[in-house]
Structure formats: C-alpha cells, structure tokens
N, C-alpha and C. Protein backbone atom coordinates (compact mmCIF):
# COMPACT_ATOMS: atom_id res chain seq x y z
N UNK A 1 196.39 138.55 126.18
CA UNK A 1 195.47 139.39 126.85
C UNK A 1 194.41 139.83 125.88
N UNK A 2 193.19 139.92 126.45
CA UNK A 2 191.88 140.34 125.64
C UNK A 2 191.87 141.84 125.51
N UNK A 3 191.99 142.33 124.28
CA UNK A 3 191.89 143.86 124.01
C UNK A 3 190.53 144.36 124.30
N UNK A 4 189.52 143.47 124.44
CA UNK A 4 188.17 144.13 124.52
C UNK A 4 187.88 145.05 125.66
N UNK A 5 188.33 144.81 126.93
CA UNK A 5 188.15 145.77 128.00
C UNK A 5 188.80 147.10 127.59
N UNK A 6 189.94 147.14 127.06
CA UNK A 6 190.64 148.39 126.80
C UNK A 6 189.81 149.21 125.83
N UNK A 7 189.30 148.42 124.77
CA UNK A 7 188.54 149.08 123.68
C UNK A 7 187.14 149.61 124.31
N UNK A 8 186.60 148.96 125.24
CA UNK A 8 185.36 149.44 125.78
C UNK A 8 185.58 150.71 126.66
N UNK A 9 186.65 150.64 127.47
CA UNK A 9 187.09 151.86 128.18
C UNK A 9 187.34 153.05 127.36
N UNK A 10 188.13 152.90 126.23
CA UNK A 10 188.51 153.91 125.36
C UNK A 10 187.17 154.41 124.65
N UNK A 11 186.41 153.62 124.22
CA UNK A 11 185.10 153.99 123.57
C UNK A 11 184.25 154.85 124.53
N UNK A 12 184.08 154.30 125.84
CA UNK A 12 183.26 155.04 126.80
C UNK A 12 183.88 156.40 127.19
N UNK A 13 185.22 156.43 127.25
CA UNK A 13 185.91 157.67 127.46
C UNK A 13 185.65 158.73 126.45
N UNK A 14 185.70 158.39 125.11
CA UNK A 14 185.59 159.23 123.95
C UNK A 14 184.01 159.65 123.99
N UNK A 15 183.22 158.67 124.16
CA UNK A 15 181.69 159.09 124.24
C UNK A 15 181.45 160.07 125.32
N UNK A 16 181.86 159.71 126.48
CA UNK A 16 181.64 160.66 127.61
C UNK A 16 182.26 161.94 127.40
N UNK A 17 183.43 162.00 126.86
CA UNK A 17 184.12 163.31 126.70
C UNK A 17 183.36 164.18 125.61
N UNK A 18 182.82 163.48 124.66
CA UNK A 18 182.10 164.20 123.60
C UNK A 18 180.87 164.83 124.15
N UNK A 19 180.10 164.02 125.04
CA UNK A 19 178.87 164.41 125.64
C UNK A 19 179.00 165.51 126.60
N UNK A 20 180.13 165.55 127.35
CA UNK A 20 180.28 166.45 128.52
C UNK A 20 180.96 167.67 128.18
N UNK A 21 181.70 167.77 127.23
CA UNK A 21 182.52 168.90 126.94
C UNK A 21 181.84 169.87 126.07
N UNK A 22 181.97 171.23 126.30
CA UNK A 22 181.40 172.23 125.68
C UNK A 22 182.45 172.96 124.90
N UNK A 23 182.04 173.66 123.76
CA UNK A 23 183.03 174.32 122.98
C UNK A 23 183.47 175.60 123.75
N UNK A 24 184.71 175.63 124.12
CA UNK A 24 185.22 176.71 124.88
C UNK A 24 186.16 177.52 123.92
N UNK A 25 186.08 178.77 123.91
CA UNK A 25 186.91 179.60 123.14
C UNK A 25 187.58 180.59 123.93
N UNK A 26 188.72 181.10 123.32
CA UNK A 26 189.45 182.05 124.09
C UNK A 26 189.09 183.43 123.51
N UNK A 27 188.80 184.43 124.28
CA UNK A 27 188.17 185.61 123.75
C UNK A 27 189.34 186.48 122.85
N UNK A 28 190.59 186.15 123.20
CA UNK A 28 191.67 186.80 122.34
C UNK A 28 191.65 186.35 120.93
N UNK A 29 191.23 185.15 120.64
CA UNK A 29 191.23 184.79 119.27
C UNK A 29 189.85 184.35 118.70
N UNK A 30 188.69 184.68 119.49
CA UNK A 30 187.39 184.22 119.06
C UNK A 30 186.71 185.30 118.28
N UNK A 31 186.05 184.95 117.17
CA UNK A 31 185.37 185.66 116.25
C UNK A 31 183.83 185.65 116.64
N UNK A 32 183.31 186.70 117.35
CA UNK A 32 181.87 186.53 117.71
C UNK A 32 181.01 186.22 116.53
N UNK A 33 179.95 185.26 116.72
CA UNK A 33 178.99 184.76 115.72
C UNK A 33 178.01 185.71 115.44
N UNK A 34 177.66 186.59 116.42
CA UNK A 34 176.42 187.59 116.11
C UNK A 34 176.72 188.74 117.09
N UNK A 35 175.72 189.62 116.96
CA UNK A 35 175.89 190.93 117.83
C UNK A 35 175.86 190.67 119.32
N UNK A 36 175.06 189.63 119.70
CA UNK A 36 174.74 189.32 121.02
C UNK A 36 176.21 188.86 121.71
N UNK A 37 176.96 187.99 121.03
CA UNK A 37 178.11 187.50 121.52
C UNK A 37 179.20 188.62 121.49
N UNK A 38 179.08 189.52 120.55
CA UNK A 38 180.14 190.61 120.53
C UNK A 38 179.82 191.61 121.74
N UNK A 39 178.48 191.85 121.96
CA UNK A 39 178.15 192.71 123.21
C UNK A 39 178.47 192.08 124.47
N UNK A 40 178.27 190.70 124.49
CA UNK A 40 178.60 189.94 125.85
C UNK A 40 180.00 190.11 126.09
N UNK A 41 180.87 189.80 125.10
CA UNK A 41 182.36 189.88 125.35
C UNK A 41 182.66 191.32 125.62
N UNK A 42 182.25 192.25 125.01
CA UNK A 42 182.52 193.69 125.28
C UNK A 42 182.15 194.18 126.70
N UNK A 43 181.00 193.68 127.12
CA UNK A 43 180.48 194.02 128.51
C UNK A 43 181.40 193.43 129.60
N UNK A 44 181.80 192.29 129.32
CA UNK A 44 182.68 191.60 130.31
C UNK A 44 184.04 192.29 130.39
N UNK A 45 184.57 192.51 129.25
CA UNK A 45 185.90 193.32 129.03
C UNK A 45 185.83 194.70 129.72
N UNK A 46 184.68 195.29 129.64
CA UNK A 46 184.52 196.71 130.24
C UNK A 46 184.50 196.83 131.69
N UNK A 47 184.24 195.70 132.34
CA UNK A 47 184.17 195.61 133.86
C UNK A 47 185.41 196.04 134.47
N UNK A 48 185.38 197.03 135.50
CA UNK A 48 186.61 197.42 136.24
C UNK A 48 187.45 196.30 136.81
N UNK A 49 186.73 195.24 137.14
CA UNK A 49 187.42 194.11 137.90
C UNK A 49 188.27 193.45 136.83
N UNK A 50 187.73 193.29 135.65
CA UNK A 50 188.45 192.50 134.39
C UNK A 50 189.59 193.43 133.93
N UNK A 51 189.35 194.83 133.76
CA UNK A 51 190.38 195.73 133.34
C UNK A 51 191.50 195.62 134.32
N UNK A 52 191.23 195.71 135.61
CA UNK A 52 192.40 195.83 136.64
C UNK A 52 193.08 194.46 136.54
N UNK A 53 192.38 193.34 136.47
CA UNK A 53 193.00 191.97 136.40
C UNK A 53 194.05 191.98 135.19
N UNK A 54 193.54 192.30 134.05
CA UNK A 54 194.25 192.32 132.75
C UNK A 54 195.50 193.21 132.91
N UNK A 55 195.36 194.40 133.65
CA UNK A 55 196.59 195.34 133.82
C UNK A 55 197.44 194.67 134.66
N UNK A 56 197.13 194.12 135.81
CA UNK A 56 198.03 193.45 136.73
C UNK A 56 198.60 192.38 136.16
N UNK A 57 198.05 191.54 135.35
CA UNK A 57 198.60 190.35 134.95
C UNK A 57 199.10 190.38 133.42
N UNK A 58 199.35 191.61 132.99
CA UNK A 58 199.56 191.75 131.49
C UNK A 58 200.86 190.93 131.05
N UNK A 59 201.86 190.65 131.96
CA UNK A 59 202.95 189.87 131.46
C UNK A 59 202.70 188.23 131.60
N UNK A 60 201.54 187.89 132.09
CA UNK A 60 201.23 186.49 132.27
C UNK A 60 200.09 185.91 131.35
N UNK A 61 199.89 186.75 130.22
CA UNK A 61 198.96 186.30 129.23
C UNK A 61 197.52 186.18 129.77
N UNK A 62 196.94 187.33 130.21
CA UNK A 62 195.51 187.19 130.79
C UNK A 62 194.49 187.12 129.49
N UNK A 63 193.40 186.31 129.78
CA UNK A 63 192.47 186.09 128.64
C UNK A 63 191.17 185.80 129.33
N UNK A 64 190.18 185.54 128.41
CA UNK A 64 188.75 185.23 128.94
C UNK A 64 188.37 184.00 128.22
N UNK A 65 188.05 182.93 128.95
CA UNK A 65 187.55 181.71 128.28
C UNK A 65 185.96 181.84 128.19
N UNK A 66 185.43 181.61 126.93
CA UNK A 66 184.10 181.77 126.81
C UNK A 66 183.43 180.43 126.72
N UNK A 67 182.46 180.25 127.59
CA UNK A 67 181.58 179.04 127.65
C UNK A 67 180.22 179.42 127.19
N UNK A 68 179.76 178.71 126.10
CA UNK A 68 178.41 179.08 125.62
C UNK A 68 177.32 178.81 126.55
N UNK A 69 176.16 179.39 126.40
CA UNK A 69 175.05 179.16 127.41
C UNK A 69 174.58 177.74 127.36
N UNK A 70 174.33 177.33 128.55
CA UNK A 70 173.75 175.97 128.76
C UNK A 70 173.00 175.89 130.16
N UNK A 71 172.32 174.89 130.40
CA UNK A 71 171.37 174.83 131.57
C UNK A 71 172.34 174.79 132.79
N UNK A 72 173.57 174.40 132.81
CA UNK A 72 174.42 174.32 134.08
C UNK A 72 174.50 175.79 134.53
N UNK A 73 174.46 176.91 133.80
CA UNK A 73 174.72 178.26 134.35
C UNK A 73 173.44 179.08 133.99
N UNK A 74 172.26 178.44 134.15
CA UNK A 74 171.03 179.14 133.74
C UNK A 74 170.99 179.83 132.43
N UNK A 75 171.58 179.13 131.42
CA UNK A 75 171.58 179.55 130.02
C UNK A 75 172.27 180.82 130.00
N UNK A 76 173.25 181.20 130.77
CA UNK A 76 174.13 182.38 130.67
C UNK A 76 175.35 182.04 129.98
N UNK A 77 176.14 182.92 129.39
CA UNK A 77 177.34 182.64 129.05
C UNK A 77 178.26 182.65 130.26
N UNK A 78 179.12 181.58 130.35
CA UNK A 78 180.10 181.45 131.59
C UNK A 78 181.41 182.02 131.02
N UNK A 79 181.80 183.10 131.68
CA UNK A 79 183.15 183.58 131.17
C UNK A 79 184.17 183.47 132.34
N UNK A 80 185.22 182.74 132.02
CA UNK A 80 186.38 182.52 132.92
C UNK A 80 187.41 183.59 132.63
N UNK A 81 187.71 184.37 133.57
CA UNK A 81 188.74 185.41 133.38
C UNK A 81 189.91 184.79 134.10
N UNK A 82 191.00 184.74 133.45
CA UNK A 82 192.19 184.06 134.03
C UNK A 82 193.51 184.22 133.17
N UNK A 83 194.40 183.30 133.41
CA UNK A 83 195.71 183.25 132.76
C UNK A 83 195.85 182.19 131.75
N UNK A 84 196.24 182.47 130.58
CA UNK A 84 196.36 181.44 129.56
C UNK A 84 197.90 181.32 129.16
N UNK A 85 198.59 180.75 130.08
CA UNK A 85 200.12 180.57 129.77
C UNK A 85 200.56 179.18 130.18
N UNK A 86 201.67 178.84 129.72
CA UNK A 86 202.18 177.52 130.07
C UNK A 86 201.35 176.43 129.57
N UNK A 87 200.66 176.66 128.40
CA UNK A 87 199.81 175.64 127.78
C UNK A 87 198.55 175.16 128.63
N UNK A 88 198.14 176.02 129.59
CA UNK A 88 196.94 175.77 130.28
C UNK A 88 196.29 177.10 130.78
N UNK A 89 195.05 176.90 131.29
CA UNK A 89 194.22 178.12 131.55
C UNK A 89 194.05 177.96 133.02
N UNK A 90 194.32 179.00 133.83
CA UNK A 90 194.08 179.05 135.22
C UNK A 90 193.07 180.22 135.57
N UNK A 91 191.87 179.78 136.06
CA UNK A 91 190.77 180.74 136.19
C UNK A 91 190.95 181.60 137.47
N UNK A 92 190.85 182.99 137.38
CA UNK A 92 190.89 183.80 138.45
C UNK A 92 189.44 184.05 139.05
N UNK A 93 188.45 184.24 138.05
CA UNK A 93 187.02 184.59 138.40
C UNK A 93 186.15 184.00 137.24
N UNK A 94 184.97 183.57 137.79
CA UNK A 94 183.86 183.20 136.89
C UNK A 94 182.75 184.33 136.93
N UNK A 95 182.39 184.69 135.62
CA UNK A 95 181.46 185.71 135.44
C UNK A 95 180.36 185.10 134.54
N UNK A 96 179.12 185.31 134.84
CA UNK A 96 178.06 184.89 133.97
C UNK A 96 177.31 186.12 133.49
N UNK A 97 176.91 185.96 132.20
CA UNK A 97 176.15 187.03 131.69
C UNK A 97 174.98 186.52 130.85
N UNK A 98 173.90 187.06 131.17
CA UNK A 98 172.53 186.51 130.38
C UNK A 98 172.52 187.13 129.03
N UNK A 99 172.36 186.32 128.03
CA UNK A 99 172.39 186.90 126.66
C UNK A 99 171.23 187.75 126.24
N UNK A 100 170.12 187.78 127.09
CA UNK A 100 168.96 188.58 126.65
C UNK A 100 168.93 189.92 127.52
N UNK A 101 169.16 189.72 128.77
CA UNK A 101 169.18 190.87 129.77
C UNK A 101 170.43 191.57 129.93
N UNK A 102 171.42 190.87 129.64
CA UNK A 102 172.87 191.22 129.72
C UNK A 102 173.31 191.57 131.33
N UNK A 103 172.35 191.02 132.12
CA UNK A 103 172.82 191.08 133.56
C UNK A 103 173.99 190.10 133.90
N UNK A 104 174.79 190.68 134.70
CA UNK A 104 176.14 190.04 134.98
C UNK A 104 176.10 189.45 136.36
N UNK A 105 176.43 188.22 136.65
CA UNK A 105 176.53 187.49 137.79
C UNK A 105 178.02 187.03 138.09
N UNK A 106 178.21 186.71 139.47
CA UNK A 106 179.47 186.23 139.76
C UNK A 106 179.25 184.88 140.31
N UNK A 107 180.13 183.87 139.99
CA UNK A 107 180.12 182.56 140.43
C UNK A 107 181.08 182.42 141.49
N UNK A 108 180.55 182.35 142.75
CA UNK A 108 181.46 182.18 143.84
C UNK A 108 181.89 180.75 144.06
N UNK A 109 182.91 180.31 143.54
CA UNK A 109 183.31 178.86 143.75
C UNK A 109 183.80 178.54 145.15
N UNK A 110 183.97 179.65 146.06
CA UNK A 110 184.37 179.38 147.40
C UNK A 110 183.25 179.20 148.25
N UNK A 111 182.09 179.34 147.91
CA UNK A 111 180.96 179.21 148.70
C UNK A 111 180.50 177.82 148.97
N UNK A 112 179.80 177.49 150.06
CA UNK A 112 179.34 176.23 150.33
C UNK A 112 177.84 176.10 149.70
N UNK A 113 177.46 174.93 149.31
CA UNK A 113 176.16 174.51 148.82
C UNK A 113 175.98 174.97 147.42
N UNK A 114 174.76 174.92 147.03
CA UNK A 114 174.38 175.28 145.57
C UNK A 114 174.06 176.63 145.29
N UNK A 115 173.89 177.50 146.20
CA UNK A 115 173.54 178.90 145.98
C UNK A 115 174.79 179.81 145.77
N UNK A 116 175.50 179.47 144.71
CA UNK A 116 176.75 180.26 144.56
C UNK A 116 176.78 181.19 143.38
N UNK A 117 175.59 181.47 142.70
CA UNK A 117 175.55 182.43 141.66
C UNK A 117 174.92 183.66 142.34
N UNK A 118 175.67 184.77 142.44
CA UNK A 118 175.17 186.02 142.94
C UNK A 118 175.29 187.12 142.06
N UNK A 119 174.60 188.14 142.26
CA UNK A 119 174.58 189.49 141.31
C UNK A 119 176.00 189.96 141.55
N UNK A 120 176.47 190.68 140.47
CA UNK A 120 177.72 191.38 140.53
C UNK A 120 177.78 192.47 141.59
N UNK A 121 176.63 193.10 141.75
CA UNK A 121 176.59 194.07 142.85
C UNK A 121 176.75 193.45 144.30
N UNK A 122 176.24 192.33 144.54
CA UNK A 122 176.53 191.58 145.78
C UNK A 122 177.98 191.26 146.00
N UNK A 123 178.52 190.75 144.82
CA UNK A 123 179.89 190.45 144.86
C UNK A 123 180.80 191.58 145.20
N UNK A 124 180.48 192.76 144.57
CA UNK A 124 181.20 194.00 144.71
C UNK A 124 181.08 194.40 146.27
N UNK A 125 179.92 194.20 146.77
CA UNK A 125 179.62 194.66 148.22
C UNK A 125 180.39 193.79 149.21
N UNK A 126 180.55 192.58 148.93
CA UNK A 126 181.12 191.59 150.01
C UNK A 126 182.58 191.12 149.71
N UNK A 127 183.15 191.31 148.62
CA UNK A 127 184.39 190.77 148.26
C UNK A 127 185.67 191.17 149.01
N UNK A 128 185.56 192.43 149.65
CA UNK A 128 186.70 192.81 150.46
C UNK A 128 186.37 192.76 152.03
N UNK A 129 185.27 192.10 152.32
CA UNK A 129 184.93 191.99 153.77
C UNK A 129 185.52 190.70 154.14
N UNK A 130 185.81 190.61 155.59
CA UNK A 130 186.39 189.36 156.10
C UNK A 130 185.46 188.16 155.96
N UNK A 131 184.27 188.38 156.00
CA UNK A 131 183.25 187.23 155.89
C UNK A 131 183.37 186.50 154.53
N UNK A 132 183.76 187.23 153.56
CA UNK A 132 183.76 186.51 152.21
C UNK A 132 184.93 185.51 152.18
N UNK A 133 185.83 185.71 153.04
CA UNK A 133 187.03 184.66 153.14
C UNK A 133 186.84 183.60 154.12
N UNK A 134 185.63 183.49 154.85
CA UNK A 134 185.33 182.44 155.69
C UNK A 134 184.30 181.52 155.03
N UNK A 135 184.15 180.31 155.64
CA UNK A 135 183.21 179.36 154.93
C UNK A 135 181.73 180.09 154.99
N UNK A 136 181.16 180.11 153.82
CA UNK A 136 179.86 180.92 153.67
C UNK A 136 179.06 180.16 152.61
N UNK A 137 177.71 180.77 152.62
CA UNK A 137 176.76 180.38 151.58
C UNK A 137 176.12 181.82 151.27
N UNK A 138 175.12 181.67 150.36
CA UNK A 138 174.33 182.90 149.96
C UNK A 138 172.99 182.60 150.00
N UNK A 139 172.15 183.67 150.52
CA UNK A 139 170.78 183.68 150.64
C UNK A 139 170.23 184.92 150.16
N UNK A 140 169.57 184.97 148.94
CA UNK A 140 169.11 186.25 148.27
C UNK A 140 170.10 187.31 148.27
N UNK A 141 171.42 186.85 147.72
CA UNK A 141 172.55 187.80 147.52
C UNK A 141 173.11 188.28 148.88
N UNK A 142 172.73 187.70 150.00
CA UNK A 142 173.28 188.13 151.27
C UNK A 142 174.17 186.94 151.70
N UNK A 143 175.44 187.26 152.16
CA UNK A 143 176.41 186.20 152.56
C UNK A 143 176.07 185.78 153.97
N UNK A 144 175.97 184.47 154.14
CA UNK A 144 175.72 183.87 155.57
C UNK A 144 177.06 183.06 155.88
N UNK A 145 177.67 183.51 156.95
CA UNK A 145 178.86 182.77 157.35
C UNK A 145 178.38 181.42 157.98
N UNK A 146 179.04 180.48 157.65
CA UNK A 146 178.79 179.04 158.23
C UNK A 146 179.66 178.91 159.29
N UNK A 147 179.09 178.59 160.52
CA UNK A 147 179.79 178.46 161.68
C UNK A 147 180.43 177.11 161.63
N UNK A 148 181.82 176.98 161.86
CA UNK A 148 182.36 175.71 161.95
C UNK A 148 182.16 175.02 163.25
N UNK A 149 181.95 173.68 163.27
CA UNK A 149 181.75 172.94 164.46
C UNK A 149 183.16 172.72 165.08
N UNK A 150 183.29 172.93 166.31
CA UNK A 150 184.50 172.74 167.09
C UNK A 150 184.88 171.25 166.83
N UNK A 151 186.21 171.14 166.66
CA UNK A 151 186.78 169.77 166.46
C UNK A 151 186.79 169.00 167.79
N UNK A 152 186.33 167.69 167.77
CA UNK A 152 186.39 166.98 169.12
C UNK A 152 187.73 166.47 169.32
N UNK A 153 188.12 166.61 170.70
CA UNK A 153 189.38 166.11 171.08
C UNK A 153 189.37 164.64 171.27
N UNK A 154 190.30 163.91 170.81
CA UNK A 154 190.24 162.54 171.05
C UNK A 154 191.04 162.12 172.33
N UNK A 155 190.36 161.43 173.14
CA UNK A 155 191.06 161.08 174.39
C UNK A 155 191.80 159.77 174.14
N UNK A 156 192.91 159.55 174.95
CA UNK A 156 193.64 158.30 174.83
C UNK A 156 192.99 157.19 175.56
N UNK A 157 192.93 156.01 174.99
CA UNK A 157 192.24 154.88 175.82
C UNK A 157 192.99 154.33 176.95
C-alpha cells in the first residue's frame, strides 16, 4: 500500500489545524499579558450573569475560555463562559468585549442568520421573554421572530 495518500492527509490536517486554531486560554490559569487583558477579564467576571453562573455551577468547575481578538468577532475578545470538567469545555454563553471601548456584546448562537452579535443590554431585555426561545434573528438589537412555514402533508398515492 502506498503511504503517500496518508502522508498528504496528515500534512494537510496539521497545516489546516495550525492555520485555523487560535490560542485559547482558561481564565483560571491565564496570566494577562497587559492591563487591557486584565481589565477585559475583570469586566467579564464582574457581570451579574457570570457571577450567578459561577455560583450555580461551583461544583462543576466553571471557567472562562479566552479567545484573543480576531476578525471573526469584530476584533473583540471572545469569552466563553462554561464548564471545564471531564477533560472538556462546555460553553454556556459567549460574551464579546471590545478591547478599546470595553463594550460587551452577547453572541446569540441560537439565532438564525448572520446577525447574532447583540448588545448586552438587548440580551438582558430579551433573554427571559418567550420569543427568545423561538426561531429568531436580530435587526438593530431587536428580536424578530421567524415564522415557521407549516409542514406540508403528504398524501398517499
């Protein structure tokens, strides 16, 4: 058997993995590189939503995964609040924070379409409303429910 195809696949996988992976750090063990990073982490930890999650999940190793700024998230730090146990991380919420303005955004992974980054104020306004749990999208921080098309009944031939 020719080992070349396996070598090509392995090389491509390593190359793709290096290009696509960002350095992710856990806040519990991370040493901030500068004042901005220290302030970014402190602001996220100080949010009432994060504090209450940490309190409710204290026996399940709550932590924050820090993703450095890049164009995917409008050059904001992407902070994943979640559980770091059983040798994996399970994200509960995504919060983005701009390193210059320190404005905080919520990444709504349950929304439809590309408009899923909303202000923290919009998230706080909508999160406990029934519409938030229906298929939706966002227009200027306003939740828009997506009407589901009725399913067609199939008739027997």
